[in-house]
Amino acid sequence: MLGILGGMGPMATVDFMGKVIRNTPASCDQDHIQMVVCSATDVPDRTAAILGQGSDPFPAMLNALRRLELSGATRIAIPCNTAHHWHGALQAKTSVPIIHIVDAVADALAEQRMSPTIGLLATDGTVRAGIYQQRLAERGYACVVPDAKAQAEVMRAIRLVKAGCTDEAAVILGREAEALAARGCSHIAMACTEIPLALAALDRDVSAALLDPTDILAQACVRSCLAVPQDLVQQVA
């Protein structure tokens, strides 16, 4: 059973569940993965905590983790990129594997034998904590982040998505994706679970390939839960 430590934010959690379903090679209800979700909307803001401006979210995330354990989860996914700053601390508290979103991205790139320069669209917290930069560098991938002005625009767009203003956010994110492409990025990681909700629709209008870590994490979860071969999951996706 897949446990989803969600609520960060709620709409992104629902989006992730849909991607798990769409990536599952199923012909009937019974072929699908059992999921249990804790939409832990009480988790304090992760970026604020990383920047030293907010409460520690770890206790609330740990509480949600315990609920998932008690519900019978055998694997756990966290559809929030910034929350992966606490991945190691959470994994240390449970024997249930927590599938890491950046590892899933790196595995997908390796499977496709790609060595792109990856632009990063993410929260201030994800960028500051180096969640993608460090883990991708360990696997041999270069990662480029926006400059300070552009990063402020990315954060503005993320807040707009959380407020339901996806069209306005898409304009901003499309512009910042193009700026990263102009800096030599062949791929752009939409490394906040809110960003694909706005930017994925512009895929054909951006001159770099868009990577959706949320979808890649969903594929990793399907493979882990069903022991499905990589190529079969990609055919479904």
Protein backbone atom coordinates (compact mmCIF):
# COMPACT_ATOMS: atom_id res chain seq x y z
CA MET A 1 0.00 0.00 0.00
CA LEU A 2 1.35 3.40 -1.00
CA GLY A 3 1.23 6.00 1.74
CA ILE A 4 1.10 9.61 0.60
CA LEU A 5 2.37 12.23 3.02
CA GLY A 6 0.53 15.10 1.42
CA GLY A 7 -1.25 18.36 2.07
CA MET A 8 1.78 20.40 0.96
CA GLY A 9 -0.26 21.63 -0.84
CA PRO A 10 -3.60 19.86 -1.11
CA MET A 11 -4.09 20.45 -4.85
CA ALA A 12 -0.61 19.07 -5.59
CA THR A 13 -1.47 15.97 -3.54
CA VAL A 14 -4.56 15.30 -5.63
CA ASP A 15 -2.50 15.89 -8.79
CA PHE A 16 0.06 13.32 -7.60
CA MET A 17 -2.64 10.72 -6.93
CA GLY A 18 -3.95 11.22 -10.45
CA LYS A 19 -0.47 10.67 -11.84
CA VAL A 20 -0.08 7.44 -9.87
CA ILE A 21 -3.35 6.22 -11.37
CA ARG A 22 -2.46 7.30 -14.92
CA ASN A 23 0.95 5.62 -14.69
CA THR A 24 -0.48 2.29 -13.48
CA PRO A 25 -0.88 -0.42 -16.15
CA ALA A 26 -4.41 -1.42 -15.13
CA SER A 27 -7.41 -2.83 -16.94
CA CYS A 28 -9.79 -2.81 -13.96
CA ASP A 29 -10.18 -1.28 -10.49
CA GLN A 30 -8.49 -4.20 -8.81
CA ASP A 31 -5.28 -3.67 -10.84
CA HIS A 32 -4.68 -0.28 -9.26
CA ILE A 33 -2.43 0.48 -6.30
CA GLN A 34 -4.01 0.81 -2.89
CA MET A 35 -3.28 4.27 -1.51
CA VAL A 36 -3.73 5.86 1.87
CA VAL A 37 -3.37 9.64 2.09
CA CYS A 38 -2.65 11.93 4.97
CA SER A 39 -3.35 15.45 3.73
CA ALA A 40 -1.35 17.08 6.51
CA THR A 41 -2.33 20.68 5.92
CA ASP A 42 -1.14 21.51 9.45
CA VAL A 43 2.51 21.13 8.41
CA PRO A 44 4.14 24.56 8.78
CA ASP A 45 5.59 26.25 5.71
CA ARG A 46 8.72 24.36 4.67
CA THR A 47 10.45 27.25 2.91
CA ALA A 48 9.92 29.56 5.88
CA ALA A 49 11.52 26.98 8.16
CA ILE A 50 14.55 26.50 5.91
CA LEU A 51 15.03 30.27 5.72
CA GLY A 52 14.81 30.54 9.52
CA GLN A 53 11.53 32.44 9.36
CA GLY A 54 9.01 29.84 10.52
CA SER A 55 8.21 26.89 12.74
CA ASP A 56 9.85 23.49 12.38
CA PRO A 57 7.61 21.31 10.17
CA PHE A 58 9.28 18.05 11.20
CA PRO A 59 6.99 17.20 14.17
CA ALA A 60 3.86 17.58 12.03
CA MET A 61 5.38 15.55 9.19
CA LEU A 62 6.44 12.85 11.64
CA ASN A 63 2.90 12.73 13.02
CA ALA A 64 1.56 12.26 9.49
CA LEU A 65 4.17 9.56 8.90
CA ARG A 66 2.98 7.67 11.99
CA ARG A 67 -0.61 7.81 10.71
CA LEU A 68 0.49 6.31 7.41
CA GLU A 69 2.39 3.56 9.20
CA LEU A 70 -0.65 2.70 11.32
CA SER A 71 -2.77 2.61 8.16
CA GLY A 72 -0.56 -0.11 6.69
CA ALA A 73 1.59 1.81 4.22
CA THR A 74 4.46 -0.28 2.88
CA ARG A 75 6.01 2.58 0.87
CA ILE A 76 5.71 6.32 1.30
CA ALA A 77 5.85 9.21 -1.13
CA ILE A 78 5.98 12.91 -0.30
CA PRO A 79 4.55 15.01 -3.15
CA CYS A 80 6.35 18.14 -1.94
CA ASN A 81 9.86 18.87 -3.14
CA THR A 82 10.82 21.22 -0.31
CA ALA A 83 9.70 18.71 2.33
CA HIS A 84 12.49 16.41 1.11
CA HIS A 85 14.88 18.57 3.15
CA TRP A 86 13.63 16.39 6.03
CA HIS A 87 13.69 13.12 4.06
CA GLY A 88 16.70 11.72 5.91
CA ALA A 89 15.30 12.63 9.33
CA LEU A 90 11.93 11.06 8.48
CA GLN A 91 13.52 7.92 7.00
CA ALA A 92 15.53 7.50 10.20
CA LYS A 93 12.24 7.25 12.11
CA THR A 94 10.66 4.47 10.05
CA SER A 95 11.52 1.17 8.39
CA VAL A 96 9.02 1.94 5.62
CA PRO A 97 10.92 3.10 2.50
CA ILE A 98 10.32 6.76 1.64
CA ILE A 99 10.89 7.16 -2.11
CA HIS A 100 13.02 10.26 -2.74
CA ILE A 101 11.77 12.52 -5.52
CA VAL A 102 15.25 13.62 -6.68
CA ASP A 103 16.53 10.05 -6.77
CA ALA A 104 13.54 9.19 -8.94
CA VAL A 105 14.47 12.02 -11.33
CA ALA A 106 18.13 10.97 -11.45
CA ASP A 107 17.15 7.33 -12.04
CA ALA A 108 14.86 8.36 -14.91
CA LEU A 109 17.63 10.39 -16.54
CA ALA A 110 20.09 7.52 -16.15
CA GLU A 111 17.58 5.06 -17.64
CA GLN A 112 17.26 7.29 -20.70
CA ARG A 113 21.05 7.70 -20.85
CA MET A 114 20.73 11.47 -20.75
CA SER A 115 23.25 13.93 -19.33
CA PRO A 116 21.41 17.23 -19.59
CA THR A 117 22.09 20.56 -17.95
CA ILE A 118 19.04 20.97 -15.75
CA GLY A 119 17.42 24.28 -14.90
CA LEU A 120 15.61 24.39 -11.58
CA LEU A 121 12.26 26.05 -10.96
CA ALA A 122 11.57 25.56 -7.26
CA THR A 123 10.79 27.27 -3.97
CA ASP A 124 13.36 29.38 -2.17
CA GLY A 125 13.57 26.59 0.40
CA THR A 126 14.35 23.88 -2.15
CA VAL A 127 16.97 26.07 -3.81
CA ARG A 128 18.56 27.24 -0.54
CA ALA A 129 18.69 23.72 0.90
CA GLY A 130 20.34 22.39 -2.27
CA ILE A 131 17.90 19.47 -2.40
CA TYR A 132 18.32 19.05 -6.16
CA GLN A 133 21.77 20.54 -6.67
CA GLN A 134 23.52 18.22 -4.23
CA ARG A 135 21.76 15.00 -5.13
CA LEU A 136 21.99 15.58 -8.89
CA ALA A 137 25.67 16.53 -8.64
CA GLU A 138 26.33 13.20 -6.92
CA ARG A 139 24.92 11.51 -10.00
CA GLY A 140 26.93 13.67 -12.42
CA TYR A 141 24.25 16.14 -13.52
CA ALA A 142 24.75 19.92 -13.72
CA CYS A 143 22.04 22.09 -12.20
CA VAL A 144 21.37 25.80 -12.84
CA VAL A 145 19.20 27.97 -10.58
CA PRO A 146 17.58 31.35 -11.36
CA ASP A 147 19.21 34.59 -10.26
CA ALA A 148 17.74 36.41 -7.25
CA LYS A 149 15.27 38.52 -9.23
CA ALA A 150 14.05 35.57 -11.26
CA GLN A 151 13.75 33.42 -8.13
CA ALA A 152 11.48 36.04 -6.56
CA GLU A 153 9.24 35.76 -9.62
CA VAL A 154 9.17 31.97 -9.34
CA MET A 155 8.03 32.28 -5.72
CA ARG A 156 5.35 34.75 -6.75
CA ALA A 157 4.08 32.26 -9.33
CA ILE A 158 4.02 29.42 -6.80
CA ARG A 159 1.91 31.52 -4.43
CA LEU A 160 -0.45 32.31 -7.31
CA VAL A 161 -0.94 28.60 -8.02
CA LYS A 162 -1.71 27.95 -4.35
CA ALA A 163 -4.29 30.73 -4.59
CA GLY A 164 -5.84 29.14 -7.68
CA CYS A 165 -4.50 31.70 -10.20
CA THR A 166 -2.81 29.19 -12.51
CA ASP A 167 -3.12 31.20 -15.73
CA GLU A 168 -1.26 34.18 -14.29
CA ALA A 169 1.33 31.86 -12.78
CA ALA A 170 1.86 30.11 -16.13
CA VAL A 171 2.91 33.36 -17.81
CA ILE A 172 5.55 34.01 -15.14
CA LEU A 173 6.84 30.45 -15.07
CA GLY A 174 7.01 30.24 -18.85
CA ARG A 175 9.13 33.38 -18.90
CA GLU A 176 11.50 32.08 -16.23
CA ALA A 177 11.78 28.68 -17.94
CA GLU A 178 12.82 30.44 -21.14
CA ALA A 179 15.41 32.44 -19.20
CA LEU A 180 16.96 29.19 -17.95
CA ALA A 181 16.88 27.74 -21.46
CA ALA A 182 18.75 30.82 -22.68
CA ARG A 183 21.43 30.06 -20.09
CA GLY A 184 22.08 26.69 -21.70
CA CYS A 185 19.62 24.41 -19.88
CA SER A 186 18.31 21.67 -22.14
CA HIS A 187 15.84 20.51 -19.48
CA ILE A 188 13.83 22.37 -16.85
CA ALA A 189 12.81 20.59 -13.65
CA MET A 190 9.45 21.81 -12.40
CA ALA A 191 10.69 21.15 -8.88
CA CYS A 192 7.75 22.41 -6.88
CA THR A 193 4.60 20.31 -7.01
CA GLU A 194 2.54 23.44 -7.74
CA ILE A 195 4.54 24.34 -10.86
CA PRO A 196 3.38 21.51 -13.18
CA LEU A 197 -0.21 22.52 -12.43
CA ALA A 198 0.48 25.77 -14.28
CA LEU A 199 3.46 25.18 -16.55
CA ALA A 200 2.92 21.72 -18.02
CA ALA A 201 0.34 23.10 -20.44
CA LEU A 202 3.06 25.31 -21.96
CA ASP A 203 5.38 22.41 -22.77
CA ARG A 204 5.34 23.09 -26.51
CA ASP A 205 5.95 26.80 -25.98
CA VAL A 206 9.16 26.40 -23.95
CA SER A 207 12.40 25.80 -25.85
CA ALA A 208 13.71 23.38 -23.22
CA ALA A 209 12.23 20.01 -22.27
CA LEU A 210 10.14 20.15 -19.10
CA LEU A 211 10.73 17.51 -16.44
CA ASP A 212 7.84 16.86 -14.06
CA PRO A 213 9.35 15.36 -10.89
CA THR A 214 5.86 14.73 -9.52
CA ASP A 215 5.06 12.48 -12.46
CA ILE A 216 8.48 10.83 -12.29
CA LEU A 217 7.93 10.15 -8.58
CA ALA A 218 4.54 8.63 -9.41
CA GLN A 219 6.21 6.32 -11.94
CA ALA A 220 8.78 5.28 -9.33
CA CYS A 221 6.00 4.51 -6.87
CA VAL A 222 4.18 2.36 -9.43
CA ARG A 223 7.33 0.39 -10.17
CA SER A 224 8.06 -0.06 -6.46
CA CYS A 225 4.55 -1.13 -5.53
CA LEU A 226 3.85 -3.41 -8.50
CA ALA A 227 7.38 -4.42 -9.52
CA VAL A 228 6.49 -3.18 -12.99
CA PRO A 229 9.31 -2.91 -15.56
CA GLN A 230 10.45 0.63 -16.38
CA ASP A 231 9.49 0.43 -20.05
CA LEU A 232 5.92 -0.66 -19.28
CA VAL A 233 5.33 2.28 -16.93
CA GLN A 234 6.70 4.67 -19.56
CA GLN A 235 4.33 3.22 -22.17
CA VAL A 236 1.41 3.93 -19.87
CA ALA A 237 2.72 7.45 -19.11
